[in-house]
Amino acid sequence: MAELNQESLTQALRCIDSLLEKCEKAQVKFAAGTSQHTLLKNRISALRIASSLIAREIEECQRKRNEG
């Protein structure tokens, strides 16, 4: 996999967080137990994981930059 720089990771995190917010807003429009609600629940879970992993990678990039 190509090296990812902090700028591209930060941009990806903004996109993921935006999608997460949109999914959370859309989910409340559907009744629990419907396929739409379940689909959004699963997407929200996946987006939270992605957001967390990207944030961790950004912190690692910052740590490496500060070390030298």
PDB file of N, CA and C in Angstrom:
ATOM      1  N   MET A   1       0.850  -1.184   0.000  1.00  0.00           N
ATOM      2  CA  MET A   1       0.000   0.000   0.000  1.00  0.00           C
ATOM      3  C   MET A   1       0.888   1.237   0.000  1.00  0.00           C
ATOM      4  N   ALA A   2       0.499   2.231  -0.734  1.00  0.00           N
ATOM      5  CA  ALA A   2       1.276   3.465  -0.826  1.00  0.00           C
ATOM      6  C   ALA A   2       1.319   4.174   0.520  1.00  0.00           C
ATOM      7  N   GLU A   3       2.421   4.887   0.728  1.00  0.00           N
ATOM      8  CA  GLU A   3       2.550   5.678   1.952  1.00  0.00           C
ATOM      9  C   GLU A   3       1.460   6.748   1.987  1.00  0.00           C
ATOM     10  N   LEU A   4       0.858   6.881   3.122  1.00  0.00           N
ATOM     11  CA  LEU A   4      -0.168   7.896   3.294  1.00  0.00           C
ATOM     12  C   LEU A   4       0.422   9.048   4.084  1.00  0.00           C
ATOM     13  N   ASN A   5       0.183  10.257   3.615  1.00  0.00           N
ATOM     14  CA  ASN A   5       0.686  11.398   4.371  1.00  0.00           C
ATOM     15  C   ASN A   5      -0.424  11.956   5.251  1.00  0.00           C
ATOM     16  N   GLN A   6      -0.026  12.788   6.174  1.00  0.00           N
ATOM     17  CA  GLN A   6      -0.972  13.300   7.156  1.00  0.00           C
ATOM     18  C   GLN A   6      -2.080  14.111   6.498  1.00  0.00           C
ATOM     19  N   GLU A   7      -1.759  14.832   5.457  1.00  0.00           N
ATOM     20  CA  GLU A   7      -2.772  15.650   4.779  1.00  0.00           C
ATOM     21  C   GLU A   7      -3.867  14.772   4.157  1.00  0.00           C
ATOM     22  N   SER A   8      -3.467  13.700   3.487  1.00  0.00           N
ATOM     23  CA  SER A   8      -4.467  12.824   2.863  1.00  0.00           C
ATOM     24  C   SER A   8      -5.289  12.102   3.919  1.00  0.00           C
ATOM     25  N   LEU A   9      -4.649  11.732   5.021  1.00  0.00           N
ATOM     26  CA  LEU A   9      -5.380  11.091   6.114  1.00  0.00           C
ATOM     27  C   LEU A   9      -6.386  12.049   6.750  1.00  0.00           C
ATOM     28  N   THR A  10      -5.979  13.291   6.925  1.00  0.00           N
ATOM     29  CA  THR A  10      -6.869  14.296   7.513  1.00  0.00           C
ATOM     30  C   THR A  10      -8.076  14.545   6.610  1.00  0.00           C
ATOM     31  N   GLN A  11      -7.826  14.592   5.302  1.00  0.00           N
ATOM     32  CA  GLN A  11      -8.931  14.778   4.356  1.00  0.00           C
ATOM     33  C   GLN A  11      -9.863  13.572   4.379  1.00  0.00           C
ATOM     34  N   ALA A  12      -9.298  12.381   4.444  1.00  0.00           N
ATOM     35  CA  ALA A  12     -10.124  11.168   4.510  1.00  0.00           C
ATOM     36  C   ALA A  12     -10.951  11.151   5.787  1.00  0.00           C
ATOM     37  N   LEU A  13     -10.361  11.568   6.899  1.00  0.00           N
ATOM     38  CA  LEU A  13     -11.079  11.602   8.173  1.00  0.00           C
ATOM     39  C   LEU A  13     -12.261  12.565   8.110  1.00  0.00           C
ATOM     40  N   ARG A  14     -12.070  13.714   7.485  1.00  0.00           N
ATOM     41  CA  ARG A  14     -13.177  14.671   7.329  1.00  0.00           C
ATOM     42  C   ARG A  14     -14.320  14.048   6.527  1.00  0.00           C
ATOM     43  N   CYS A  15     -13.974  13.341   5.466  1.00  0.00           N
ATOM     44  CA  CYS A  15     -15.004  12.698   4.630  1.00  0.00           C
ATOM     45  C   CYS A  15     -15.740  11.612   5.406  1.00  0.00           C
ATOM     46  N   ILE A  16     -15.011  10.787   6.122  1.00  0.00           N
ATOM     47  CA  ILE A  16     -15.611   9.713   6.905  1.00  0.00           C
ATOM     48  C   ILE A  16     -16.527  10.302   7.974  1.00  0.00           C
ATOM     49  N   ASP A  17     -16.051  11.325   8.677  1.00  0.00           N
ATOM     50  CA  ASP A  17     -16.858  11.939   9.728  1.00  0.00           C
ATOM     51  C   ASP A  17     -18.115  12.599   9.165  1.00  0.00           C
ATOM     52  N   SER A  18     -18.008  13.164   7.975  1.00  0.00           N
ATOM     53  CA  SER A  18     -19.177  13.756   7.324  1.00  0.00           C
ATOM     54  C   SER A  18     -20.208  12.678   6.977  1.00  0.00           C
ATOM     55  N   LEU A  19     -19.734  11.572   6.412  1.00  0.00           N
ATOM     56  CA  LEU A  19     -20.639  10.469   6.100  1.00  0.00           C
ATOM     57  C   LEU A  19     -21.284   9.900   7.357  1.00  0.00           C
ATOM     58  N   LEU A  20     -20.502   9.803   8.416  1.00  0.00           N
ATOM     59  CA  LEU A  20     -21.012   9.294   9.686  1.00  0.00           C
ATOM     60  C   LEU A  20     -22.144  10.172  10.203  1.00  0.00           C
ATOM     61  N   GLU A  21     -21.936  11.461  10.153  1.00  0.00           N
ATOM     62  CA  GLU A  21     -22.967  12.396  10.617  1.00  0.00           C
ATOM     63  C   GLU A  21     -24.241  12.284   9.772  1.00  0.00           C
ATOM     64  N   LYS A  22     -24.087  12.162   8.469  1.00  0.00           N
ATOM     65  CA  LYS A  22     -25.244  12.045   7.581  1.00  0.00           C
ATOM     66  C   LYS A  22     -26.013  10.746   7.837  1.00  0.00           C
ATOM     67  N   CYS A  23     -25.269   9.666   8.062  1.00  0.00           N
ATOM     68  CA  CYS A  23     -25.916   8.380   8.344  1.00  0.00           C
ATOM     69  C   CYS A  23     -26.681   8.426   9.665  1.00  0.00           C
ATOM     70  N   GLU A  24     -26.083   9.057  10.671  1.00  0.00           N
ATOM     71  CA  GLU A  24     -26.752   9.163  11.973  1.00  0.00           C
ATOM     72  C   GLU A  24     -28.039   9.969  11.862  1.00  0.00           C
ATOM     73  N   LYS A  25     -28.013  11.033  11.070  1.00  0.00           N
ATOM     74  CA  LYS A  25     -29.216  11.836  10.874  1.00  0.00           C
ATOM     75  C   LYS A  25     -30.279  11.063  10.104  1.00  0.00           C
ATOM     76  N   ALA A  26     -29.866  10.288   9.124  1.00  0.00           N
ATOM     77  CA  ALA A  26     -30.816   9.523   8.307  1.00  0.00           C
ATOM     78  C   ALA A  26     -31.418   8.372   9.098  1.00  0.00           C
ATOM     79  N   GLN A  27     -30.646   7.783   9.986  1.00  0.00           N
ATOM     80  CA  GLN A  27     -31.108   6.600  10.710  1.00  0.00           C
ATOM     81  C   GLN A  27     -32.352   6.890  11.552  1.00  0.00           C
ATOM     82  N   VAL A  28     -32.434   8.076  12.117  1.00  0.00           N
ATOM     83  CA  VAL A  28     -33.584   8.387  12.974  1.00  0.00           C
ATOM     84  C   VAL A  28     -34.891   8.467  12.189  1.00  0.00           C
ATOM     85  N   LYS A  29     -34.802   8.532  10.879  1.00  0.00           N
ATOM     86  CA  LYS A  29     -35.998   8.605  10.038  1.00  0.00           C
ATOM     87  C   LYS A  29     -36.641   7.239   9.811  1.00  0.00           C
ATOM     88  N   PHE A  30     -35.919   6.171  10.179  1.00  0.00           N
ATOM     89  CA  PHE A  30     -36.414   4.820   9.945  1.00  0.00           C
ATOM     90  C   PHE A  30     -36.689   4.119  11.266  1.00  0.00           C
ATOM     91  N   ALA A  31     -37.722   3.330  11.286  1.00  0.00           N
ATOM     92  CA  ALA A  31     -38.087   2.581  12.490  1.00  0.00           C
ATOM     93  C   ALA A  31     -37.070   1.469  12.733  1.00  0.00           C
ATOM     94  N   ALA A  32     -36.788   1.241  14.011  1.00  0.00           N
ATOM     95  CA  ALA A  32     -35.886   0.159  14.379  1.00  0.00           C
ATOM     96  C   ALA A  32     -36.426  -1.159  13.847  1.00  0.00           C
ATOM     97  N   GLY A  33     -35.528  -1.990  13.341  1.00  0.00           N
ATOM     98  CA  GLY A  33     -35.943  -3.279  12.814  1.00  0.00           C
ATOM     99  C   GLY A  33     -36.167  -3.290  11.315  1.00  0.00           C
ATOM    100  N   THR A  34     -36.294  -2.112  10.705  1.00  0.00           N
ATOM    101  CA  THR A  34     -36.458  -2.083   9.250  1.00  0.00           C
ATOM    102  C   THR A  34     -35.095  -2.297   8.600  1.00  0.00           C
ATOM    103  N   SER A  35     -35.117  -2.720   7.358  1.00  0.00           N
ATOM    104  CA  SER A  35     -33.850  -2.981   6.669  1.00  0.00           C
ATOM    105  C   SER A  35     -33.024  -1.701   6.513  1.00  0.00           C
ATOM    106  N   GLN A  36     -33.693  -0.577   6.301  1.00  0.00           N
ATOM    107  CA  GLN A  36     -32.969   0.698   6.162  1.00  0.00           C
ATOM    108  C   GLN A  36     -32.267   1.063   7.468  1.00  0.00           C
ATOM    109  N   HIS A  37     -32.963   0.875   8.587  1.00  0.00           N
ATOM    110  CA  HIS A  37     -32.397   1.197   9.889  1.00  0.00           C
ATOM    111  C   HIS A  37     -31.194   0.300  10.179  1.00  0.00           C
ATOM    112  N   THR A  38     -31.335  -0.991   9.898  1.00  0.00           N
ATOM    113  CA  THR A  38     -30.252  -1.939  10.137  1.00  0.00           C
ATOM    114  C   THR A  38     -29.055  -1.645   9.241  1.00  0.00           C
ATOM    115  N   LEU A  39     -29.310  -1.329   7.988  1.00  0.00           N
ATOM    116  CA  LEU A  39     -28.239  -0.987   7.067  1.00  0.00           C
ATOM    117  C   LEU A  39     -27.460   0.221   7.576  1.00  0.00           C
ATOM    118  N   LEU A  40     -28.174   1.249   7.996  1.00  0.00           N
ATOM    119  CA  LEU A  40     -27.507   2.447   8.506  1.00  0.00           C
ATOM    120  C   LEU A  40     -26.768   2.155   9.809  1.00  0.00           C
ATOM    121  N   LYS A  41     -27.326   1.298  10.645  1.00  0.00           N
ATOM    122  CA  LYS A  41     -26.646   0.911  11.884  1.00  0.00           C
ATOM    123  C   LYS A  41     -25.300   0.258  11.567  1.00  0.00           C
ATOM    124  N   ASN A  42     -25.299  -0.625  10.596  1.00  0.00           N
ATOM    125  CA  ASN A  42     -24.065  -1.300  10.199  1.00  0.00           C
ATOM    126  C   ASN A  42     -23.069  -0.332   9.562  1.00  0.00           C
ATOM    127  N   ARG A  43     -23.559   0.579   8.748  1.00  0.00           N
ATOM    128  CA  ARG A  43     -22.681   1.590   8.138  1.00  0.00           C
ATOM    129  C   ARG A  43     -22.083   2.505   9.201  1.00  0.00           C
ATOM    130  N   ILE A  44     -22.898   2.910  10.160  1.00  0.00           N
ATOM    131  CA  ILE A  44     -22.419   3.775  11.236  1.00  0.00           C
ATOM    132  C   ILE A  44     -21.315   3.077  12.014  1.00  0.00           C
ATOM    133  N   SER A  45     -21.514   1.815  12.303  1.00  0.00           N
ATOM    134  CA  SER A  45     -20.498   1.045  13.017  1.00  0.00           C
ATOM    135  C   SER A  45     -19.198   0.988  12.221  1.00  0.00           C
ATOM    136  N   ALA A  46     -19.296   0.697  10.945  1.00  0.00           N
ATOM    137  CA  ALA A  46     -18.111   0.618  10.092  1.00  0.00           C
ATOM    138  C   ALA A  46     -17.413   1.969   9.972  1.00  0.00           C
ATOM    139  N   LEU A  47     -18.188   3.035   9.841  1.00  0.00           N
ATOM    140  CA  LEU A  47     -17.599   4.370   9.732  1.00  0.00           C
ATOM    141  C   LEU A  47     -16.907   4.795  11.030  1.00  0.00           C
ATOM    142  N   ARG A  48     -17.465   4.417  12.167  1.00  0.00           N
ATOM    143  CA  ARG A  48     -16.813   4.723  13.446  1.00  0.00           C
ATOM    144  C   ARG A  48     -15.473   4.007  13.557  1.00  0.00           C
ATOM    145  N   ILE A  49     -15.428   2.765  13.120  1.00  0.00           N
ATOM    146  CA  ILE A  49     -14.173   2.015  13.135  1.00  0.00           C
ATOM    147  C   ILE A  49     -13.158   2.679  12.205  1.00  0.00           C
ATOM    148  N   ALA A  50     -13.594   3.017  11.002  1.00  0.00           N
ATOM    149  CA  ALA A  50     -12.706   3.664  10.039  1.00  0.00           C
ATOM    150  C   ALA A  50     -12.183   4.987  10.581  1.00  0.00           C
ATOM    151  N   SER A  51     -13.056   5.764  11.183  1.00  0.00           N
ATOM    152  CA  SER A  51     -12.666   7.051  11.753  1.00  0.00           C
ATOM    153  C   SER A  51     -11.617   6.862  12.844  1.00  0.00           C
ATOM    154  N   SER A  52     -11.835   5.895  13.690  1.00  0.00           N
ATOM    155  CA  SER A  52     -10.896   5.617  14.775  1.00  0.00           C
ATOM    156  C   SER A  52      -9.532   5.195  14.241  1.00  0.00           C
ATOM    157  N   LEU A  53      -9.525   4.333  13.257  1.00  0.00           N
ATOM    158  CA  LEU A  53      -8.259   3.860  12.691  1.00  0.00           C
ATOM    159  C   LEU A  53      -7.507   4.971  11.969  1.00  0.00           C
ATOM    160  N   ILE A  54      -8.222   5.810  11.248  1.00  0.00           N
ATOM    161  CA  ILE A  54      -7.583   6.928  10.559  1.00  0.00           C
ATOM    162  C   ILE A  54      -7.017   7.918  11.575  1.00  0.00           C
ATOM    163  N   ALA A  55      -7.779   8.206  12.626  1.00  0.00           N
ATOM    164  CA  ALA A  55      -7.298   9.122  13.666  1.00  0.00           C
ATOM    165  C   ALA A  55      -6.032   8.566  14.321  1.00  0.00           C
ATOM    166  N   ARG A  56      -6.005   7.264  14.556  1.00  0.00           N
ATOM    167  CA  ARG A  56      -4.816   6.629  15.148  1.00  0.00           C
ATOM    168  C   ARG A  56      -3.610   6.784  14.215  1.00  0.00           C
ATOM    169  N   GLU A  57      -3.835   6.621  12.923  1.00  0.00           N
ATOM    170  CA  GLU A  57      -2.746   6.749  11.953  1.00  0.00           C
ATOM    171  C   GLU A  57      -2.246   8.193  11.879  1.00  0.00           C
ATOM    172  N   ILE A  58      -3.155   9.158  11.986  1.00  0.00           N
ATOM    173  CA  ILE A  58      -2.757  10.573  11.996  1.00  0.00           C
ATOM    174  C   ILE A  58      -1.874  10.845  13.208  1.00  0.00           C
ATOM    175  N   GLU A  59      -2.267  10.330  14.365  1.00  0.00           N
ATOM    176  CA  GLU A  59      -1.456  10.507  15.573  1.00  0.00           C
ATOM    177  C   GLU A  59      -0.071   9.889  15.396  1.00  0.00           C
ATOM    178  N   GLU A  60      -0.002   8.747  14.744  1.00  0.00           N
ATOM    179  CA  GLU A  60       1.280   8.089  14.489  1.00  0.00           C
ATOM    180  C   GLU A  60       2.152   8.941  13.569  1.00  0.00           C
ATOM    181  N   CYS A  61       1.556   9.538  12.546  1.00  0.00           N
ATOM    182  CA  CYS A  61       2.291  10.427  11.643  1.00  0.00           C
ATOM    183  C   CYS A  61       2.836  11.634  12.402  1.00  0.00           C
ATOM    184  N   GLN A  62       2.016  12.196  13.284  1.00  0.00           N
ATOM    185  CA  GLN A  62       2.452  13.346  14.074  1.00  0.00           C
ATOM    186  C   GLN A  62       3.592  12.961  15.014  1.00  0.00           C
ATOM    187  N   ARG A  63       3.491  11.773  15.610  1.00  0.00           N
ATOM    188  CA  ARG A  63       4.524  11.316  16.521  1.00  0.00           C
ATOM    189  C   ARG A  63       5.850  11.143  15.776  1.00  0.00           C
ATOM    190  N   LYS A  64       5.786  10.538  14.606  1.00  0.00           N
ATOM    191  CA  LYS A  64       6.997  10.340  13.790  1.00  0.00           C
ATOM    192  C   LYS A  64       7.615  11.667  13.380  1.00  0.00           C
ATOM    193  N   ARG A  65       6.760  12.626  13.017  1.00  0.00           N
ATOM    194  CA  ARG A  65       7.267  13.931  12.606  1.00  0.00           C
ATOM    195  C   ARG A  65       7.948  14.638  13.770  1.00  0.00           C
ATOM    196  N   ASN A  66       7.379  14.520  14.973  1.00  0.00           N
ATOM    197  CA  ASN A  66       7.951  15.163  16.155  1.00  0.00           C
ATOM    198  C   ASN A  66       9.265  14.514  16.596  1.00  0.00           C
ATOM    199  N   GLU A  67       9.420  13.230  16.290  1.00  0.00           N
ATOM    200  CA  GLU A  67      10.644  12.522  16.666  1.00  0.00           C
ATOM    201  C   GLU A  67      11.800  12.879  15.774  1.00  0.00           C
ATOM    202  N   GLY A  68      11.503  13.329  14.599  1.00  0.00           N
ATOM    203  CA  GLY A  68      12.629  13.735  13.783  1.00  0.00           C
ATOM    204  C   GLY A  68      12.513  13.432  12.377  1.00  0.00           C
TER     205      GLY A  68
END
